[in-house]
Amino acid sequence: DDGDPKELGMQYGALHTLLPRMTVVGGCCGTDHRHVEEICR
């Protein structure tokens, strides 16, 4: 289940408002280069 890469990237953005010190990001189960690209964007 690889979910929705674009949605996951947006969710990281929302979580950053709750975790302003979040500076290390990556993916776990079901993620690949597409998810990482959206997170980085």
PDB file of all heavy atoms in Angstrom:
ATOM      1  N   ASP A   1       0.854  -1.185   0.000  1.00  0.00           N
ATOM      2  CA  ASP A   1       0.000   0.000   0.000  1.00  0.00           C
ATOM      3  C   ASP A   1       0.893   1.240   0.000  1.00  0.00           C
ATOM      4  O   ASP A   1       1.489   1.571   1.017  1.00  0.00           O
ATOM      5  CB  ASP A   1      -0.910  -0.020   1.236  1.00  0.00           C
ATOM      6  CG  ASP A   1      -1.830   1.182   1.310  1.00  0.00           C
ATOM      7  OD1 ASP A   1      -1.877   1.954   0.328  1.00  0.00           O
ATOM      8  OD2 ASP A   1      -2.487   1.356   2.347  1.00  0.00           O
ATOM      9  N   ASP A   2       0.962   1.917  -1.158  1.00  0.00           N
ATOM     10  CA  ASP A   2       1.850   3.078  -1.255  1.00  0.00           C
ATOM     11  C   ASP A   2       1.115   4.396  -1.072  1.00  0.00           C
ATOM     12  O   ASP A   2       1.714   5.466  -1.244  1.00  0.00           O
ATOM     13  CB  ASP A   2       2.608   3.073  -2.584  1.00  0.00           C
ATOM     14  CG  ASP A   2       1.680   3.096  -3.790  1.00  0.00           C
ATOM     15  OD1 ASP A   2       0.448   3.105  -3.599  1.00  0.00           O
ATOM     16  OD2 ASP A   2       2.189   3.093  -4.927  1.00  0.00           O
ATOM     17  N   GLY A   3      -0.151   4.356  -0.706  1.00  0.00           N
ATOM     18  CA  GLY A   3      -0.881   5.569  -0.373  1.00  0.00           C
ATOM     19  C   GLY A   3      -0.850   6.602  -1.483  1.00  0.00           C
ATOM     20  O   GLY A   3      -0.859   6.272  -2.679  1.00  0.00           O
ATOM     21  N   ASP A   4      -0.803   7.869  -1.105  1.00  0.00           N
ATOM     22  CA  ASP A   4      -0.804   8.987  -2.042  1.00  0.00           C
ATOM     23  C   ASP A   4       0.420   9.850  -1.750  1.00  0.00           C
ATOM     24  O   ASP A   4       0.450  10.561  -0.739  1.00  0.00           O
ATOM     25  CB  ASP A   4      -2.085   9.800  -1.861  1.00  0.00           C
ATOM     26  CG  ASP A   4      -2.200  10.949  -2.845  1.00  0.00           C
ATOM     27  OD1 ASP A   4      -1.160  11.450  -3.322  1.00  0.00           O
ATOM     28  OD2 ASP A   4      -3.334  11.368  -3.154  1.00  0.00           O
ATOM     29  N   PRO A   5       1.450   9.795  -2.592  1.00  0.00           N
ATOM     30  CA  PRO A   5       2.682  10.544  -2.311  1.00  0.00           C
ATOM     31  C   PRO A   5       2.453  12.039  -2.101  1.00  0.00           C
ATOM     32  O   PRO A   5       3.027  12.634  -1.180  1.00  0.00           O
ATOM     33  CB  PRO A   5       3.548  10.282  -3.550  1.00  0.00           C
ATOM     34  CG  PRO A   5       3.066   8.963  -4.068  1.00  0.00           C
ATOM     35  CD  PRO A   5       1.591   8.950  -3.793  1.00  0.00           C
ATOM     36  N   LYS A   6       1.631  12.659  -2.945  1.00  0.00           N
ATOM     37  CA  LYS A   6       1.394  14.099  -2.822  1.00  0.00           C
ATOM     38  C   LYS A   6       0.693  14.426  -1.509  1.00  0.00           C
ATOM     39  O   LYS A   6       1.048  15.394  -0.828  1.00  0.00           O
ATOM     40  CB  LYS A   6       0.564  14.608  -4.002  1.00  0.00           C
ATOM     41  CG  LYS A   6       0.470  16.125  -4.069  1.00  0.00           C
ATOM     42  CD  LYS A   6      -0.192  16.582  -5.342  1.00  0.00           C
ATOM     43  CE  LYS A   6      -0.210  18.096  -5.449  1.00  0.00           C
ATOM     44  NZ  LYS A   6       1.163  18.644  -5.529  1.00  0.00           N
ATOM     45  N   GLU A   7      -0.290  13.601  -1.147  1.00  0.00           N
ATOM     46  CA  GLU A   7      -0.994  13.824   0.121  1.00  0.00           C
ATOM     47  C   GLU A   7      -0.041  13.694   1.300  1.00  0.00           C
ATOM     48  O   GLU A   7      -0.083  14.490   2.241  1.00  0.00           O
ATOM     49  CB  GLU A   7      -2.137  12.834   0.273  1.00  0.00           C
ATOM     50  CG  GLU A   7      -2.902  12.986   1.587  1.00  0.00           C
ATOM     51  CD  GLU A   7      -3.916  11.877   1.814  1.00  0.00           C
ATOM     52  OE1 GLU A   7      -3.537  10.684   1.652  1.00  0.00           O
ATOM     53  OE2 GLU A   7      -5.055  12.184   2.170  1.00  0.00           O
ATOM     54  N   LEU A   8       0.846  12.701   1.256  1.00  0.00           N
ATOM     55  CA  LEU A   8       1.790  12.501   2.356  1.00  0.00           C
ATOM     56  C   LEU A   8       2.703  13.714   2.500  1.00  0.00           C
ATOM     57  O   LEU A   8       2.980  14.162   3.620  1.00  0.00           O
ATOM     58  CB  LEU A   8       2.616  11.239   2.129  1.00  0.00           C
ATOM     59  CG  LEU A   8       3.514  10.829   3.300  1.00  0.00           C
ATOM     60  CD1 LEU A   8       2.671  10.411   4.506  1.00  0.00           C
ATOM     61  CD2 LEU A   8       4.458   9.695   2.905  1.00  0.00           C
ATOM     62  N   GLY A   9       3.156  14.262   1.371  1.00  0.00           N
ATOM     63  CA  GLY A   9       3.995  15.444   1.436  1.00  0.00           C
ATOM     64  C   GLY A   9       3.278  16.607   2.098  1.00  0.00           C
ATOM     65  O   GLY A   9       3.858  17.319   2.931  1.00  0.00           O
ATOM     66  N   MET A  10       2.015  16.788   1.770  1.00  0.00           N
ATOM     67  CA  MET A  10       1.231  17.867   2.367  1.00  0.00           C
ATOM     68  C   MET A  10       1.025  17.630   3.861  1.00  0.00           C
ATOM     69  O   MET A  10       1.022  18.573   4.661  1.00  0.00           O
ATOM     70  CB  MET A  10      -0.109  17.981   1.650  1.00  0.00           C
ATOM     71  CG  MET A  10       0.011  18.433   0.203  1.00  0.00           C
ATOM     72  SD  MET A  10      -1.570  18.396  -0.690  1.00  0.00           S
ATOM     73  CE  MET A  10      -2.510  19.607   0.259  1.00  0.00           C
ATOM     74  N   GLN A  11       0.861  16.365   4.241  1.00  0.00           N
ATOM     75  CA  GLN A  11       0.678  16.054   5.657  1.00  0.00           C
ATOM     76  C   GLN A  11       1.944  16.347   6.455  1.00  0.00           C
ATOM     77  O   GLN A  11       1.873  16.768   7.615  1.00  0.00           O
ATOM     78  CB  GLN A  11       0.258  14.591   5.811  1.00  0.00           C
ATOM     79  CG  GLN A  11      -1.172  14.348   5.346  1.00  0.00           C
ATOM     80  CD  GLN A  11      -1.514  12.883   5.234  1.00  0.00           C
ATOM     81  OE1 GLN A  11      -0.679  12.057   4.857  1.00  0.00           O
ATOM     82  NE2 GLN A  11      -2.753  12.538   5.558  1.00  0.00           N
ATOM     83  N   TYR A  12       3.099  16.155   5.846  1.00  0.00           N
ATOM     84  CA  TYR A  12       4.343  16.532   6.511  1.00  0.00           C
ATOM     85  C   TYR A  12       4.371  18.035   6.768  1.00  0.00           C
ATOM     86  O   TYR A  12       4.838  18.499   7.811  1.00  0.00           O
ATOM     87  CB  TYR A  12       5.554  16.128   5.664  1.00  0.00           C
ATOM     88  CG  TYR A  12       6.113  14.771   5.982  1.00  0.00           C
ATOM     89  CD1 TYR A  12       5.373  13.616   5.733  1.00  0.00           C
ATOM     90  CD2 TYR A  12       7.389  14.627   6.529  1.00  0.00           C
ATOM     91  CE1 TYR A  12       5.896  12.362   6.003  1.00  0.00           C
ATOM     92  CE2 TYR A  12       7.918  13.383   6.805  1.00  0.00           C
ATOM     93  CZ  TYR A  12       7.159  12.244   6.548  1.00  0.00           C
ATOM     94  OH  TYR A  12       7.677  11.007   6.842  1.00  0.00           O
ATOM     95  N   GLY A  13       3.869  18.807   5.809  1.00  0.00           N
ATOM     96  CA  GLY A  13       3.810  20.246   5.993  1.00  0.00           C
ATOM     97  C   GLY A  13       2.922  20.637   7.159  1.00  0.00           C
ATOM     98  O   GLY A  13       3.260  21.513   7.958  1.00  0.00           O
ATOM     99  N   ALA A  14       1.763  19.957   7.273  1.00  0.00           N
ATOM    100  CA  ALA A  14       0.849  20.233   8.385  1.00  0.00           C
ATOM    101  C   ALA A  14       1.485  19.855   9.715  1.00  0.00           C
ATOM    102  O   ALA A  14       1.335  20.570  10.720  1.00  0.00           O
ATOM    103  CB  ALA A  14      -0.461  19.475   8.178  1.00  0.00           C
ATOM    104  N   LEU A  15       2.219  18.741   9.746  1.00  0.00           N
ATOM    105  CA  LEU A  15       2.853  18.303  10.989  1.00  0.00           C
ATOM    106  C   LEU A  15       3.986  19.244  11.392  1.00  0.00           C
ATOM    107  O   LEU A  15       4.290  19.377  12.576  1.00  0.00           O
ATOM    108  CB  LEU A  15       3.383  16.876  10.833  1.00  0.00           C
ATOM    109  CG  LEU A  15       2.320  15.781  10.763  1.00  0.00           C
ATOM    110  CD1 LEU A  15       2.955  14.438  10.436  1.00  0.00           C
ATOM    111  CD2 LEU A  15       1.541  15.689  12.067  1.00  0.00           C
ATOM    112  N   HIS A  16       4.582  19.894  10.415  1.00  0.00           N
ATOM    113  CA  HIS A  16       5.669  20.822  10.739  1.00  0.00           C
ATOM    114  C   HIS A  16       5.167  21.992  11.571  1.00  0.00           C
ATOM    115  O   HIS A  16       5.924  22.542  12.382  1.00  0.00           O
ATOM    116  CB  HIS A  16       6.330  21.328   9.460  1.00  0.00           C
ATOM    117  CG  HIS A  16       7.572  22.118   9.691  1.00  0.00           C
ATOM    118  ND1 HIS A  16       7.574  23.489   9.821  1.00  0.00           N
ATOM    119  CD2 HIS A  16       8.864  21.722   9.845  1.00  0.00           C
ATOM    120  CE1 HIS A  16       8.809  23.903  10.031  1.00  0.00           C
ATOM    121  NE2 HIS A  16       9.606  22.865  10.048  1.00  0.00           N
ATOM    122  N   THR A  17       3.913  22.354  11.417  1.00  0.00           N
ATOM    123  CA  THR A  17       3.367  23.439  12.248  1.00  0.00           C
ATOM    124  C   THR A  17       3.220  22.992  13.691  1.00  0.00           C
ATOM    125  O   THR A  17       3.249  23.822  14.606  1.00  0.00           O
ATOM    126  CB  THR A  17       1.995  23.898  11.715  1.00  0.00           C
ATOM    127  OG1 THR A  17       1.050  22.815  11.811  1.00  0.00           O
ATOM    128  CG2 THR A  17       2.101  24.324  10.258  1.00  0.00           C
ATOM    129  N   LEU A  18       3.066  21.677  13.910  1.00  0.00           N
ATOM    130  CA  LEU A  18       2.963  21.135  15.265  1.00  0.00           C
ATOM    131  C   LEU A  18       4.334  20.792  15.830  1.00  0.00           C
ATOM    132  O   LEU A  18       4.511  20.747  17.048  1.00  0.00           O
ATOM    133  CB  LEU A  18       2.087  19.881  15.258  1.00  0.00           C
ATOM    134  CG  LEU A  18       0.654  20.053  14.720  1.00  0.00           C
ATOM    135  CD1 LEU A  18      -0.052  18.700  14.662  1.00  0.00           C
ATOM    136  CD2 LEU A  18      -0.124  21.031  15.572  1.00  0.00           C
ATOM    137  N   LEU A  19       5.281  20.539  14.934  1.00  0.00           N
ATOM    138  CA  LEU A  19       6.648  20.186  15.339  1.00  0.00           C
ATOM    139  C   LEU A  19       7.621  21.138  14.658  1.00  0.00           C
ATOM    140  O   LEU A  19       8.296  20.790  13.686  1.00  0.00           O
ATOM    141  CB  LEU A  19       6.969  18.741  14.936  1.00  0.00           C
ATOM    142  CG  LEU A  19       6.138  17.633  15.582  1.00  0.00           C
ATOM    143  CD1 LEU A  19       6.459  16.286  14.934  1.00  0.00           C
ATOM    144  CD2 LEU A  19       6.392  17.567  17.082  1.00  0.00           C
ATOM    145  N   PRO A  20       7.720  22.377  15.137  1.00  0.00           N
ATOM    146  CA  PRO A  20       8.571  23.367  14.467  1.00  0.00           C
ATOM    147  C   PRO A  20      10.050  23.005  14.436  1.00  0.00           C
ATOM    148  O   PRO A  20      10.806  23.553  13.633  1.00  0.00           O
ATOM    149  CB  PRO A  20       8.331  24.645  15.283  1.00  0.00           C
ATOM    150  CG  PRO A  20       7.826  24.172  16.611  1.00  0.00           C
ATOM    151  CD  PRO A  20       7.039  22.928  16.325  1.00  0.00           C
ATOM    152  N   ARG A  21      10.468  22.059  15.275  1.00  0.00           N
ATOM    153  CA  ARG A  21      11.881  21.660  15.278  1.00  0.00           C
ATOM    154  C   ARG A  21      12.134  20.442  14.394  1.00  0.00           C
ATOM    155  O   ARG A  21      13.226  19.885  14.395  1.00  0.00           O
ATOM    156  CB  ARG A  21      12.344  21.367  16.710  1.00  0.00           C
ATOM    157  CG  ARG A  21      12.215  22.556  17.657  1.00  0.00           C
ATOM    158  CD  ARG A  21      12.981  22.309  18.944  1.00  0.00           C
ATOM    159  NE  ARG A  21      14.421  22.416  18.744  1.00  0.00           N
ATOM    160  CZ  ARG A  21      15.323  21.859  19.539  1.00  0.00           C
ATOM    161  NH1 ARG A  21      14.934  21.139  20.576  1.00  0.00           N
ATOM    162  NH2 ARG A  21      16.612  22.008  19.301  1.00  0.00           N
ATOM    163  N   MET A  22      11.145  20.031  13.614  1.00  0.00           N
ATOM    164  CA  MET A  22      11.287  18.866  12.745  1.00  0.00           C
ATOM    165  C   MET A  22      12.218  19.204  11.585  1.00  0.00           C
ATOM    166  O   MET A  22      11.880  19.991  10.708  1.00  0.00           O
ATOM    167  CB  MET A  22       9.923  18.431  12.217  1.00  0.00           C
ATOM    168  CG  MET A  22       9.973  17.150  11.400  1.00  0.00           C
ATOM    169  SD  MET A  22       8.312  16.579  10.941  1.00  0.00           S
ATOM    170  CE  MET A  22       7.942  17.685   9.571  1.00  0.00           C
ATOM    171  N   THR A  23      13.396  18.630  11.594  1.00  0.00           N
ATOM    172  CA  THR A  23      14.391  18.905  10.565  1.00  0.00           C
ATOM    173  C   THR A  23      14.893  17.640   9.869  1.00  0.00           C
ATOM    174  O   THR A  23      15.618  17.736   8.877  1.00  0.00           O
ATOM    175  CB  THR A  23      15.604  19.639  11.171  1.00  0.00           C
ATOM    176  OG1 THR A  23      16.109  18.891  12.281  1.00  0.00           O
ATOM    177  CG2 THR A  23      15.215  21.031  11.649  1.00  0.00           C
ATOM    178  N   VAL A  24      14.533  16.471  10.381  1.00  0.00           N
ATOM    179  CA  VAL A  24      14.967  15.208   9.790  1.00  0.00           C
ATOM    180  C   VAL A  24      13.727  14.493   9.282  1.00  0.00           C
ATOM    181  O   VAL A  24      12.826  14.160  10.064  1.00  0.00           O
ATOM    182  CB  VAL A  24      15.697  14.320  10.818  1.00  0.00           C
ATOM    183  CG1 VAL A  24      16.153  13.014  10.175  1.00  0.00           C
ATOM    184  CG2 VAL A  24      16.884  15.062  11.415  1.00  0.00           C
ATOM    185  N   VAL A  25      13.629  14.276   7.975  1.00  0.00           N
ATOM    186  CA  VAL A  25      12.428  13.673   7.405  1.00  0.00           C
ATOM    187  C   VAL A  25      12.797  12.532   6.459  1.00  0.00           C
ATOM    188  O   VAL A  25      13.885  12.503   5.884  1.00  0.00           O
ATOM    189  CB  VAL A  25      11.578  14.710   6.643  1.00  0.00           C
ATOM    190  CG1 VAL A  25      11.022  15.752   7.598  1.00  0.00           C
ATOM    191  CG2 VAL A  25      12.372  15.386   5.532  1.00  0.00           C
ATOM    192  N   GLY A  26      11.874  11.613   6.318  1.00  0.00           N
ATOM    193  CA  GLY A  26      12.056  10.481   5.423  1.00  0.00           C
ATOM    194  C   GLY A  26      10.784   9.671   5.394  1.00  0.00           C
ATOM    195  O   GLY A  26       9.730  10.128   5.838  1.00  0.00           O
ATOM    196  N   GLY A  27      10.866   8.461   4.868  1.00  0.00           N
ATOM    197  CA  GLY A  27       9.686   7.619   4.755  1.00  0.00           C
ATOM    198  C   GLY A  27       9.883   6.270   5.401  1.00  0.00           C
ATOM    199  O   GLY A  27      11.016   5.839   5.640  1.00  0.00           O
ATOM    200  N   CYS A  28       8.759   5.613   5.679  1.00  0.00           N
ATOM    201  CA  CYS A  28       8.799   4.264   6.241  1.00  0.00           C
ATOM    202  C   CYS A  28       7.957   3.361   5.337  1.00  0.00           C
ATOM    203  O   CYS A  28       8.053   3.463   4.115  1.00  0.00           O
ATOM    204  CB  CYS A  28       8.311   4.293   7.695  1.00  0.00           C
ATOM    205  SG  CYS A  28       8.977   2.947   8.734  1.00  0.00           S
ATOM    206  N   CYS A  29       7.109   2.514   5.888  1.00  0.00           N
ATOM    207  CA  CYS A  29       6.404   1.483   5.122  1.00  0.00           C
ATOM    208  C   CYS A  29       5.622   2.053   3.936  1.00  0.00           C
ATOM    209  O   CYS A  29       4.811   2.963   4.095  1.00  0.00           O
ATOM    210  CB  CYS A  29       5.446   0.720   6.032  1.00  0.00           C
ATOM    211  SG  CYS A  29       6.243  -0.078   7.435  1.00  0.00           S
ATOM    212  N   GLY A  30       5.875   1.515   2.752  1.00  0.00           N
ATOM    213  CA  GLY A  30       5.136   1.886   1.552  1.00  0.00           C
ATOM    214  C   GLY A  30       5.688   3.079   0.806  1.00  0.00           C
ATOM    215  O   GLY A  30       5.184   3.430  -0.260  1.00  0.00           O
ATOM    216  N   THR A  31       6.716   3.727   1.346  1.00  0.00           N
ATOM    217  CA  THR A  31       7.247   4.927   0.693  1.00  0.00           C
ATOM    218  C   THR A  31       8.387   4.582  -0.260  1.00  0.00           C
ATOM    219  O   THR A  31       9.058   3.563  -0.118  1.00  0.00           O
ATOM    220  CB  THR A  31       7.744   5.959   1.718  1.00  0.00           C
ATOM    221  OG1 THR A  31       8.798   5.384   2.503  1.00  0.00           O
ATOM    222  CG2 THR A  31       6.617   6.396   2.631  1.00  0.00           C
ATOM    223  N   ASP A  32       8.575   5.454  -1.243  1.00  0.00           N
ATOM    224  CA  ASP A  32       9.696   5.323  -2.170  1.00  0.00           C
ATOM    225  C   ASP A  32      10.131   6.728  -2.586  1.00  0.00           C
ATOM    226  O   ASP A  32       9.783   7.715  -1.926  1.00  0.00           O
ATOM    227  CB  ASP A  32       9.336   4.447  -3.379  1.00  0.00           C
ATOM    228  CG  ASP A  32       8.105   4.957  -4.136  1.00  0.00           C
ATOM    229  OD1 ASP A  32       7.877   6.193  -4.166  1.00  0.00           O
ATOM    230  OD2 ASP A  32       7.361   4.136  -4.703  1.00  0.00           O
ATOM    231  N   HIS A  33      10.867   6.835  -3.693  1.00  0.00           N
ATOM    232  CA  HIS A  33      11.412   8.129  -4.105  1.00  0.00           C
ATOM    233  C   HIS A  33      10.324   9.163  -4.384  1.00  0.00           C
ATOM    234  O   HIS A  33      10.544  10.367  -4.214  1.00  0.00           O
ATOM    235  CB  HIS A  33      12.287   7.952  -5.349  1.00  0.00           C
ATOM    236  CG  HIS A  33      11.528   7.513  -6.556  1.00  0.00           C
ATOM    237  ND1 HIS A  33      11.142   6.200  -6.759  1.00  0.00           N
ATOM    238  CD2 HIS A  33      11.058   8.210  -7.617  1.00  0.00           C
ATOM    239  CE1 HIS A  33      10.482   6.110  -7.893  1.00  0.00           C
ATOM    240  NE2 HIS A  33      10.415   7.313  -8.427  1.00  0.00           N
ATOM    241  N   ARG A  34       9.131   8.714  -4.788  1.00  0.00           N
ATOM    242  CA  ARG A  34       8.049   9.670  -5.062  1.00  0.00           C
ATOM    243  C   ARG A  34       7.601  10.372  -3.792  1.00  0.00           C
ATOM    244  O   ARG A  34       7.383  11.594  -3.780  1.00  0.00           O
ATOM    245  CB  ARG A  34       6.858   8.943  -5.690  1.00  0.00           C
ATOM    246  CG  ARG A  34       7.149   8.274  -7.033  1.00  0.00           C
ATOM    247  CD  ARG A  34       5.988   7.376  -7.403  1.00  0.00           C
ATOM    248  NE  ARG A  34       5.809   6.335  -6.400  1.00  0.00           N
ATOM    249  CZ  ARG A  34       4.643   5.729  -6.131  1.00  0.00           C
ATOM    250  NH1 ARG A  34       3.541   6.107  -6.771  1.00  0.00           N
ATOM    251  NH2 ARG A  34       4.570   4.790  -5.212  1.00  0.00           N
ATOM    252  N   HIS A  35       7.462   9.611  -2.727  1.00  0.00           N
ATOM    253  CA  HIS A  35       7.049  10.194  -1.454  1.00  0.00           C
ATOM    254  C   HIS A  35       8.115  11.141  -0.922  1.00  0.00           C
ATOM    255  O   HIS A  35       7.812  12.239  -0.440  1.00  0.00           O
ATOM    256  CB  HIS A  35       6.774   9.080  -0.436  1.00  0.00           C
ATOM    257  CG  HIS A  35       5.741   8.099  -0.873  1.00  0.00           C
ATOM    258  ND1 HIS A  35       6.035   7.076  -1.750  1.00  0.00           N
ATOM    259  CD2 HIS A  35       4.423   7.959  -0.546  1.00  0.00           C
ATOM    260  CE1 HIS A  35       4.941   6.351  -1.952  1.00  0.00           C
ATOM    261  NE2 HIS A  35       3.954   6.868  -1.240  1.00  0.00           N
ATOM    262  N   VAL A  36       9.367  10.705  -1.005  1.00  0.00           N
ATOM    263  CA  VAL A  36      10.465  11.541  -0.504  1.00  0.00           C
ATOM    264  C   VAL A  36      10.539  12.842  -1.300  1.00  0.00           C
ATOM    265  O   VAL A  36      10.779  13.921  -0.743  1.00  0.00           O
ATOM    266  CB  VAL A  36      11.798  10.770  -0.564  1.00  0.00           C
ATOM    267  CG1 VAL A  36      12.965  11.691  -0.206  1.00  0.00           C
ATOM    268  CG2 VAL A  36      11.760   9.567   0.376  1.00  0.00           C
ATOM    269  N   GLU A  37      10.304  12.750  -2.599  1.00  0.00           N
ATOM    270  CA  GLU A  37      10.320  13.954  -3.428  1.00  0.00           C
ATOM    271  C   GLU A  37       9.237  14.941  -2.990  1.00  0.00           C
ATOM    272  O   GLU A  37       9.485  16.152  -2.883  1.00  0.00           O
ATOM    273  CB  GLU A  37      10.115  13.584  -4.892  1.00  0.00           C
ATOM    274  CG  GLU A  37      10.173  14.776  -5.832  1.00  0.00           C
ATOM    275  CD  GLU A  37      10.014  14.386  -7.292  1.00  0.00           C
ATOM    276  OE1 GLU A  37       9.713  13.208  -7.571  1.00  0.00           O
ATOM    277  OE2 GLU A  37      10.179  15.272  -8.155  1.00  0.00           O
ATOM    278  N   GLU A  38       8.027  14.431  -2.725  1.00  0.00           N
ATOM    279  CA  GLU A  38       6.935  15.306  -2.299  1.00  0.00           C
ATOM    280  C   GLU A  38       7.199  15.897  -0.908  1.00  0.00           C
ATOM    281  O   GLU A  38       6.888  17.059  -0.650  1.00  0.00           O
ATOM    282  CB  GLU A  38       5.610  14.542  -2.306  1.00  0.00           C
ATOM    283  CG  GLU A  38       5.117  14.126  -3.679  1.00  0.00           C
ATOM    284  CD  GLU A  38       4.779  15.317  -4.568  1.00  0.00           C
ATOM    285  OE1 GLU A  38       4.525  16.416  -4.030  1.00  0.00           O
ATOM    286  OE2 GLU A  38       4.771  15.142  -5.797  1.00  0.00           O
ATOM    287  N   ILE A  39       7.761  15.094  -0.028  1.00  0.00           N
ATOM    288  CA  ILE A  39       8.105  15.589   1.311  1.00  0.00           C
ATOM    289  C   ILE A  39       9.137  16.708   1.189  1.00  0.00           C
ATOM    290  O   ILE A  39       9.008  17.766   1.821  1.00  0.00           O
ATOM    291  CB  ILE A  39       8.642  14.436   2.190  1.00  0.00           C
ATOM    292  CG1 ILE A  39       7.528  13.432   2.494  1.00  0.00           C
ATOM    293  CG2 ILE A  39       9.241  14.985   3.490  1.00  0.00           C
ATOM    294  CD1 ILE A  39       8.033  12.122   3.086  1.00  0.00           C
ATOM    295  N   CYS A  40      10.165  16.485   0.377  1.00  0.00           N
ATOM    296  CA  CYS A  40      11.213  17.498   0.212  1.00  0.00           C
ATOM    297  C   CYS A  40      10.660  18.762  -0.421  1.00  0.00           C
ATOM    298  O   CYS A  40      11.051  19.879  -0.044  1.00  0.00           O
ATOM    299  CB  CYS A  40      12.357  16.939  -0.630  1.00  0.00           C
ATOM    300  SG  CYS A  40      13.346  15.682   0.201  1.00  0.00           S
ATOM    301  N   ARG A  41       9.750  18.603  -1.381  1.00  0.00           N
ATOM    302  CA  ARG A  41       9.150  19.779  -2.009  1.00  0.00           C
ATOM    303  C   ARG A  41       8.396  20.618  -0.976  1.00  0.00           C
ATOM    304  O   ARG A  41       8.527  21.849  -0.936  1.00  0.00           O
ATOM    305  CB  ARG A  41       8.217  19.353  -3.137  1.00  0.00           C
ATOM    306  CG  ARG A  41       7.546  20.537  -3.851  1.00  0.00           C
ATOM    307  CD  ARG A  41       6.630  20.088  -4.979  1.00  0.00           C
ATOM    308  NE  ARG A  41       7.416  19.558  -6.086  1.00  0.00           N
ATOM    309  CZ  ARG A  41       7.412  18.291  -6.485  1.00  0.00           C
ATOM    310  NH1 ARG A  41       6.669  17.408  -5.835  1.00  0.00           N
ATOM    311  NH2 ARG A  41       8.133  17.893  -7.499  1.00  0.00           N
TER     312      ARG A  41
END
